[in-house]
PDB file of all heavy atoms in Angstrom:
ATOM      1  N   VAL A   1      -5.687   5.235  10.188  1.00  0.00           N
ATOM      2  CA  VAL A   1      -5.681   4.223  11.276  1.00  0.00           C
ATOM      3  C   VAL A   1      -6.286   4.807  12.528  1.00  0.00           C
ATOM      4  O   VAL A   1      -7.116   4.167  13.231  1.00  0.00           O
ATOM      5  CB  VAL A   1      -4.291   3.652  11.570  1.00  0.00           C
ATOM      6  CG1 VAL A   1      -4.213   2.848  12.830  1.00  0.00           C
ATOM      7  CG2 VAL A   1      -3.720   2.863  10.353  1.00  0.00           C
ATOM      8  N   ALA A   2      -5.908   6.033  12.896  1.00  0.00           N
ATOM      9  CA  ALA A   2      -6.426   6.622  14.085  1.00  0.00           C
ATOM     10  C   ALA A   2      -7.964   6.869  14.026  1.00  0.00           C
ATOM     11  O   ALA A   2      -8.637   6.787  15.005  1.00  0.00           O
ATOM     12  CB  ALA A   2      -5.712   7.971  14.326  1.00  0.00           C
ATOM     13  N   LYS A   3      -8.466   7.125  12.796  1.00  0.00           N
ATOM     14  CA  LYS A   3      -9.832   7.406  12.610  1.00  0.00           C
ATOM     15  C   LYS A   3     -10.648   6.134  12.312  1.00  0.00           C
ATOM     16  O   LYS A   3     -11.911   6.164  12.109  1.00  0.00           O
ATOM     17  CB  LYS A   3     -10.119   8.369  11.519  1.00  0.00           C
ATOM     18  CG  LYS A   3      -9.482   9.735  11.753  1.00  0.00           C
ATOM     19  CD  LYS A   3      -9.574  10.619  10.511  1.00  0.00           C
ATOM     20  CE  LYS A   3      -8.964  11.966  10.737  1.00  0.00           C
ATOM     21  NZ  LYS A   3      -8.967  12.765   9.466  1.00  0.00           N
ATOM     22  N   ARG A   4      -9.939   4.973  12.242  1.00  0.00           N
ATOM     23  CA  ARG A   4     -10.574   3.649  11.848  1.00  0.00           C
ATOM     24  C   ARG A   4     -11.183   3.820  10.489  1.00  0.00           C
ATOM     25  O   ARG A   4     -12.240   3.173  10.197  1.00  0.00           O
ATOM     26  CB  ARG A   4     -11.607   3.220  12.867  1.00  0.00           C
ATOM     27  CG  ARG A   4     -11.004   2.916  14.233  1.00  0.00           C
ATOM     28  CD  ARG A   4      -9.986   1.765  14.164  1.00  0.00           C
ATOM     29  NE  ARG A   4     -10.600   0.514  13.778  1.00  0.00           N
ATOM     30  CZ  ARG A   4     -11.120  -0.380  14.573  1.00  0.00           C
ATOM     31  NH1 ARG A   4     -11.052  -0.126  15.913  1.00  0.00           N
ATOM     32  NH2 ARG A   4     -11.588  -1.486  14.158  1.00  0.00           N
ATOM     33  N   ASP A   5     -10.578   4.509   9.590  1.00  0.00           N
ATOM     34  CA  ASP A   5     -10.987   4.655   8.201  1.00  0.00           C
ATOM     35  C   ASP A   5     -10.457   3.530   7.407  1.00  0.00           C
ATOM     36  O   ASP A   5      -9.439   3.645   6.626  1.00  0.00           O
ATOM     37  CB  ASP A   5     -10.575   6.032   7.650  1.00  0.00           C
ATOM     38  CG  ASP A   5     -11.370   6.392   6.360  1.00  0.00           C
ATOM     39  OD1 ASP A   5     -12.057   5.557   5.872  1.00  0.00           O
ATOM     40  OD2 ASP A   5     -11.268   7.600   5.993  1.00  0.00           O
ATOM     41  N   ILE A   6     -10.970   2.365   7.594  1.00  0.00           N
ATOM     42  CA  ILE A   6     -10.451   1.121   7.051  1.00  0.00           C
ATOM     43  C   ILE A   6     -10.299   1.027   5.568  1.00  0.00           C
ATOM     44  O   ILE A   6      -9.238   0.612   5.069  1.00  0.00           O
ATOM     45  CB  ILE A   6     -11.286  -0.122   7.515  1.00  0.00           C
ATOM     46  CG1 ILE A   6     -11.378  -0.095   9.018  1.00  0.00           C
ATOM     47  CG2 ILE A   6     -10.761  -1.392   7.000  1.00  0.00           C
ATOM     48  CD1 ILE A   6      -9.991  -0.163   9.789  1.00  0.00           C
ATOM     49  N   PRO A   7     -11.205   1.521   4.772  1.00  0.00           N
ATOM     50  CA  PRO A   7     -10.992   1.484   3.310  1.00  0.00           C
ATOM     51  C   PRO A   7      -9.700   2.302   2.886  1.00  0.00           C
ATOM     52  O   PRO A   7      -9.014   1.843   1.942  1.00  0.00           O
ATOM     53  CB  PRO A   7     -12.254   2.155   2.740  1.00  0.00           C
ATOM     54  CG  PRO A   7     -13.296   1.875   3.776  1.00  0.00           C
ATOM     55  CD  PRO A   7     -12.577   1.984   5.107  1.00  0.00           C
ATOM     56  N   VAL A   8      -9.442   3.365   3.508  1.00  0.00           N
ATOM     57  CA  VAL A   8      -8.288   4.173   3.154  1.00  0.00           C
ATOM     58  C   VAL A   8      -7.030   3.450   3.531  1.00  0.00           C
ATOM     59  O   VAL A   8      -6.025   3.422   2.815  1.00  0.00           O
ATOM     60  CB  VAL A   8      -8.319   5.588   3.828  1.00  0.00           C
ATOM     61  CG1 VAL A   8      -7.037   6.313   3.520  1.00  0.00           C
ATOM     62  CG2 VAL A   8      -9.557   6.331   3.332  1.00  0.00           C
ATOM     63  N   VAL A   9      -7.060   2.843   4.725  1.00  0.00           N
ATOM     64  CA  VAL A   9      -5.895   2.050   5.272  1.00  0.00           C
ATOM     65  C   VAL A   9      -5.568   0.853   4.251  1.00  0.00           C
ATOM     66  O   VAL A   9      -4.444   0.655   3.892  1.00  0.00           O
ATOM     67  CB  VAL A   9      -6.097   1.457   6.615  1.00  0.00           C
ATOM     68  CG1 VAL A   9      -4.946   0.637   7.060  1.00  0.00           C
ATOM     69  CG2 VAL A   9      -6.303   2.604   7.568  1.00  0.00           C
ATOM     70  N   GLN A  10      -6.646   0.184   3.797  1.00  0.00           N
ATOM     71  CA  GLN A  10      -6.423  -0.896   2.877  1.00  0.00           C
ATOM     72  C   GLN A  10      -5.826  -0.397   1.579  1.00  0.00           C
ATOM     73  O   GLN A  10      -4.925  -1.027   1.000  1.00  0.00           O
ATOM     74  CB  GLN A  10      -7.764  -1.565   2.631  1.00  0.00           C
ATOM     75  CG  GLN A  10      -8.333  -2.423   3.763  1.00  0.00           C
ATOM     76  CD  GLN A  10      -9.671  -2.931   3.485  1.00  0.00           C
ATOM     77  OE1 GLN A  10     -10.530  -2.313   2.870  1.00  0.00           O
ATOM     78  NE2 GLN A  10      -9.948  -4.197   3.895  1.00  0.00           N
ATOM     79  N   ALA A  11      -6.357   0.671   1.048  1.00  0.00           N
ATOM     80  CA  ALA A  11      -5.836   1.246  -0.173  1.00  0.00           C
ATOM     81  C   ALA A  11      -4.334   1.617  -0.097  1.00  0.00           C
ATOM     82  O   ALA A  11      -3.481   1.364  -0.996  1.00  0.00           O
ATOM     83  CB  ALA A  11      -6.724   2.421  -0.644  1.00  0.00           C
ATOM     84  N   CYS A  12      -4.016   2.301   0.999  1.00  0.00           N
ATOM     85  CA  CYS A  12      -2.600   2.769   1.215  1.00  0.00           C
ATOM     86  C   CYS A  12      -1.667   1.570   1.255  1.00  0.00           C
ATOM     87  O   CYS A  12      -0.584   1.572   0.679  1.00  0.00           O
ATOM     88  CB  CYS A  12      -2.507   3.570   2.500  1.00  0.00           C
ATOM     89  SG  CYS A  12      -3.306   5.208   2.439  1.00  0.00           S
ATOM     90  N   CYS A  13      -2.031   0.580   2.075  1.00  0.00           N
ATOM     91  CA  CYS A  13      -1.212  -0.660   2.229  1.00  0.00           C
ATOM     92  C   CYS A  13      -1.008  -1.320   0.879  1.00  0.00           C
ATOM     93  O   CYS A  13       0.080  -1.737   0.565  1.00  0.00           O
ATOM     94  CB  CYS A  13      -1.802  -1.629   3.199  1.00  0.00           C
ATOM     95  SG  CYS A  13      -1.847  -0.996   4.961  1.00  0.00           S
ATOM     96  N   LEU A  14      -2.109  -1.422   0.045  1.00  0.00           N
ATOM     97  CA  LEU A  14      -1.981  -2.123  -1.258  1.00  0.00           C
ATOM     98  C   LEU A  14      -1.123  -1.314  -2.208  1.00  0.00           C
ATOM     99  O   LEU A  14      -0.338  -1.944  -2.918  1.00  0.00           O
ATOM    100  CB  LEU A  14      -3.412  -2.310  -1.795  1.00  0.00           C
ATOM    101  CG  LEU A  14      -3.569  -3.273  -2.903  1.00  0.00           C
ATOM    102  CD1 LEU A  14      -3.207  -4.691  -2.448  1.00  0.00           C
ATOM    103  CD2 LEU A  14      -4.955  -3.275  -3.494  1.00  0.00           C
ATOM    104  N   ILE A  15      -1.169  -0.014  -2.150  1.00  0.00           N
ATOM    105  CA  ILE A  15      -0.371   0.765  -3.019  1.00  0.00           C
ATOM    106  C   ILE A  15       1.122   0.703  -2.651  1.00  0.00           C
ATOM    107  O   ILE A  15       1.968   0.525  -3.490  1.00  0.00           O
ATOM    108  CB  ILE A  15      -0.818   2.246  -2.974  1.00  0.00           C
ATOM    109  CG1 ILE A  15      -2.133   2.435  -3.747  1.00  0.00           C
ATOM    110  CG2 ILE A  15       0.211   3.205  -3.596  1.00  0.00           C
ATOM    111  CD1 ILE A  15      -2.765   3.770  -3.718  1.00  0.00           C
ATOM    112  N   PHE A  16       1.394   0.733  -1.325  1.00  0.00           N
ATOM    113  CA  PHE A  16       2.762   0.556  -0.880  1.00  0.00           C
ATOM    114  C   PHE A  16       3.327  -0.776  -1.319  1.00  0.00           C
ATOM    115  O   PHE A  16       4.506  -0.861  -1.799  1.00  0.00           O
ATOM    116  CB  PHE A  16       2.797   0.703   0.609  1.00  0.00           C
ATOM    117  CG  PHE A  16       2.881   2.069   1.149  1.00  0.00           C
ATOM    118  CD1 PHE A  16       2.149   2.492   2.259  1.00  0.00           C
ATOM    119  CD2 PHE A  16       3.613   3.114   0.492  1.00  0.00           C
ATOM    120  CE1 PHE A  16       2.149   3.793   2.732  1.00  0.00           C
ATOM    121  CE2 PHE A  16       3.648   4.406   0.904  1.00  0.00           C
ATOM    122  CZ  PHE A  16       2.904   4.736   2.066  1.00  0.00           C
ATOM    123  N   ALA A  17       2.547  -1.829  -1.169  1.00  0.00           N
ATOM    124  CA  ALA A  17       3.021  -3.220  -1.569  1.00  0.00           C
ATOM    125  C   ALA A  17       3.256  -3.281  -3.040  1.00  0.00           C
ATOM    126  O   ALA A  17       4.205  -3.819  -3.482  1.00  0.00           O
ATOM    127  CB  ALA A  17       1.912  -4.234  -1.065  1.00  0.00           C
ATOM    128  N   GLY A  18       2.323  -2.687  -3.846  1.00  0.00           N
ATOM    129  CA  GLY A  18       2.467  -2.686  -5.259  1.00  0.00           C
ATOM    130  C   GLY A  18       3.724  -1.980  -5.768  1.00  0.00           C
ATOM    131  O   GLY A  18       4.446  -2.468  -6.627  1.00  0.00           O
ATOM    132  N   ILE A  19       3.988  -0.871  -5.144  1.00  0.00           N
ATOM    133  CA  ILE A  19       5.195  -0.093  -5.528  1.00  0.00           C
ATOM    134  C   ILE A  19       6.428  -0.870  -5.211  1.00  0.00           C
ATOM    135  O   ILE A  19       7.424  -0.941  -5.936  1.00  0.00           O
ATOM    136  CB  ILE A  19       5.215   1.276  -4.818  1.00  0.00           C
ATOM    137  CG1 ILE A  19       4.030   2.150  -5.335  1.00  0.00           C
ATOM    138  CG2 ILE A  19       6.519   1.982  -5.010  1.00  0.00           C
ATOM    139  CD1 ILE A  19       3.860   3.434  -4.559  1.00  0.00           C
ATOM    140  N   TYR A  20       6.496  -1.464  -3.976  1.00  0.00           N
ATOM    141  CA  TYR A  20       7.600  -2.214  -3.572  1.00  0.00           C
ATOM    142  C   TYR A  20       7.925  -3.431  -4.494  1.00  0.00           C
ATOM    143  O   TYR A  20       9.067  -3.682  -4.865  1.00  0.00           O
ATOM    144  CB  TYR A  20       7.452  -2.727  -2.178  1.00  0.00           C
ATOM    145  CG  TYR A  20       8.726  -3.170  -1.496  1.00  0.00           C
ATOM    146  CD1 TYR A  20       9.557  -2.277  -0.859  1.00  0.00           C
ATOM    147  CD2 TYR A  20       9.092  -4.483  -1.470  1.00  0.00           C
ATOM    148  CE1 TYR A  20      10.757  -2.680  -0.278  1.00  0.00           C
ATOM    149  CE2 TYR A  20      10.244  -4.963  -0.895  1.00  0.00           C
ATOM    150  CZ  TYR A  20      11.097  -4.047  -0.296  1.00  0.00           C
ATOM    151  OH  TYR A  20      12.287  -4.460   0.291  1.00  0.00           O
ATOM    152  N   ILE A  21       6.847  -4.103  -4.859  1.00  0.00           N
ATOM    153  CA  ILE A  21       7.009  -5.288  -5.781  1.00  0.00           C
ATOM    154  C   ILE A  21       7.494  -4.778  -7.097  1.00  0.00           C
ATOM    155  O   ILE A  21       8.375  -5.447  -7.767  1.00  0.00           O
ATOM    156  CB  ILE A  21       5.665  -6.039  -5.870  1.00  0.00           C
ATOM    157  CG1 ILE A  21       5.337  -6.768  -4.614  1.00  0.00           C
ATOM    158  CG2 ILE A  21       5.705  -7.075  -7.025  1.00  0.00           C
ATOM    159  CD1 ILE A  21       3.969  -7.338  -4.539  1.00  0.00           C
ATOM    160  N   LEU A  22       6.946  -3.693  -7.601  1.00  0.00           N
ATOM    161  CA  LEU A  22       7.302  -3.192  -8.935  1.00  0.00           C
ATOM    162  C   LEU A  22       8.753  -2.732  -9.030  1.00  0.00           C
ATOM    163  O   LEU A  22       9.498  -3.050  -9.927  1.00  0.00           O
ATOM    164  CB  LEU A  22       6.381  -2.035  -9.332  1.00  0.00           C
ATOM    165  CG  LEU A  22       6.587  -1.457 -10.716  1.00  0.00           C
ATOM    166  CD1 LEU A  22       6.378  -2.464 -11.784  1.00  0.00           C
ATOM    167  CD2 LEU A  22       5.678  -0.205 -10.909  1.00  0.00           C
ATOM    168  N   LEU A  23       9.218  -2.056  -7.960  1.00  0.00           N
ATOM    169  CA  LEU A  23      10.611  -1.635  -7.907  1.00  0.00           C
ATOM    170  C   LEU A  23      11.557  -2.773  -7.780  1.00  0.00           C
ATOM    171  O   LEU A  23      12.697  -2.804  -8.276  1.00  0.00           O
ATOM    172  CB  LEU A  23      10.790  -0.652  -6.773  1.00  0.00           C
ATOM    173  CG  LEU A  23      10.198   0.767  -7.052  1.00  0.00           C
ATOM    174  CD1 LEU A  23      10.314   1.676  -5.849  1.00  0.00           C
ATOM    175  CD2 LEU A  23      10.928   1.413  -8.243  1.00  0.00           C
ATOM    176  N   ASN A  24      11.179  -3.835  -7.023  1.00  0.00           N
ATOM    177  CA  ASN A  24      11.972  -5.041  -6.924  1.00  0.00           C
ATOM    178  C   ASN A  24      12.110  -5.731  -8.278  1.00  0.00           C
ATOM    179  O   ASN A  24      13.165  -6.155  -8.667  1.00  0.00           O
ATOM    180  CB  ASN A  24      11.413  -5.993  -5.907  1.00  0.00           C
ATOM    181  CG  ASN A  24      11.951  -5.745  -4.508  1.00  0.00           C
ATOM    182  OD1 ASN A  24      12.965  -6.237  -4.117  1.00  0.00           O
ATOM    183  ND2 ASN A  24      11.183  -4.933  -3.770  1.00  0.00           N
ATOM    184  N   LEU A  25      10.959  -5.764  -9.020  1.00  0.00           N
ATOM    185  CA  LEU A  25      11.018  -6.356 -10.401  1.00  0.00           C
ATOM    186  C   LEU A  25      11.927  -5.538 -11.265  1.00  0.00           C
ATOM    187  O   LEU A  25      12.757  -6.111 -12.048  1.00  0.00           O
ATOM    188  CB  LEU A  25       9.584  -6.348 -10.911  1.00  0.00           C
ATOM    189  CG  LEU A  25       9.445  -6.667 -12.417  1.00  0.00           C
ATOM    190  CD1 LEU A  25       9.883  -8.124 -12.717  1.00  0.00           C
ATOM    191  CD2 LEU A  25       7.981  -6.504 -12.910  1.00  0.00           C
ATOM    192  N   SER A  26      11.832  -4.202 -11.180  1.00  0.00           N
ATOM    193  CA  SER A  26      12.715  -3.324 -11.958  1.00  0.00           C
ATOM    194  C   SER A  26      14.186  -3.568 -11.650  1.00  0.00           C
ATOM    195  O   SER A  26      15.018  -3.552 -12.563  1.00  0.00           O
ATOM    196  CB  SER A  26      12.319  -1.876 -11.751  1.00  0.00           C
ATOM    197  OG  SER A  26      10.985  -1.623 -12.078  1.00  0.00           O
ATOM    198  N   ALA A  27      14.504  -3.737 -10.381  1.00  0.00           N
ATOM    199  CA  ALA A  27      15.876  -3.989  -9.964  1.00  0.00           C
ATOM    200  C   ALA A  27      16.376  -5.305 -10.616  1.00  0.00           C
ATOM    201  O   ALA A  27      17.482  -5.287 -11.157  1.00  0.00           O
ATOM    202  CB  ALA A  27      15.940  -4.151  -8.445  1.00  0.00           C
TER     203      ALA A  27
END
């Protein structure tokens, strides 16, 4: 975010969202 490296920010956010959804499904 500090470097405005937008593709990396998008990838990190998407991975965090995917993990959260998957763990909620597992619960």
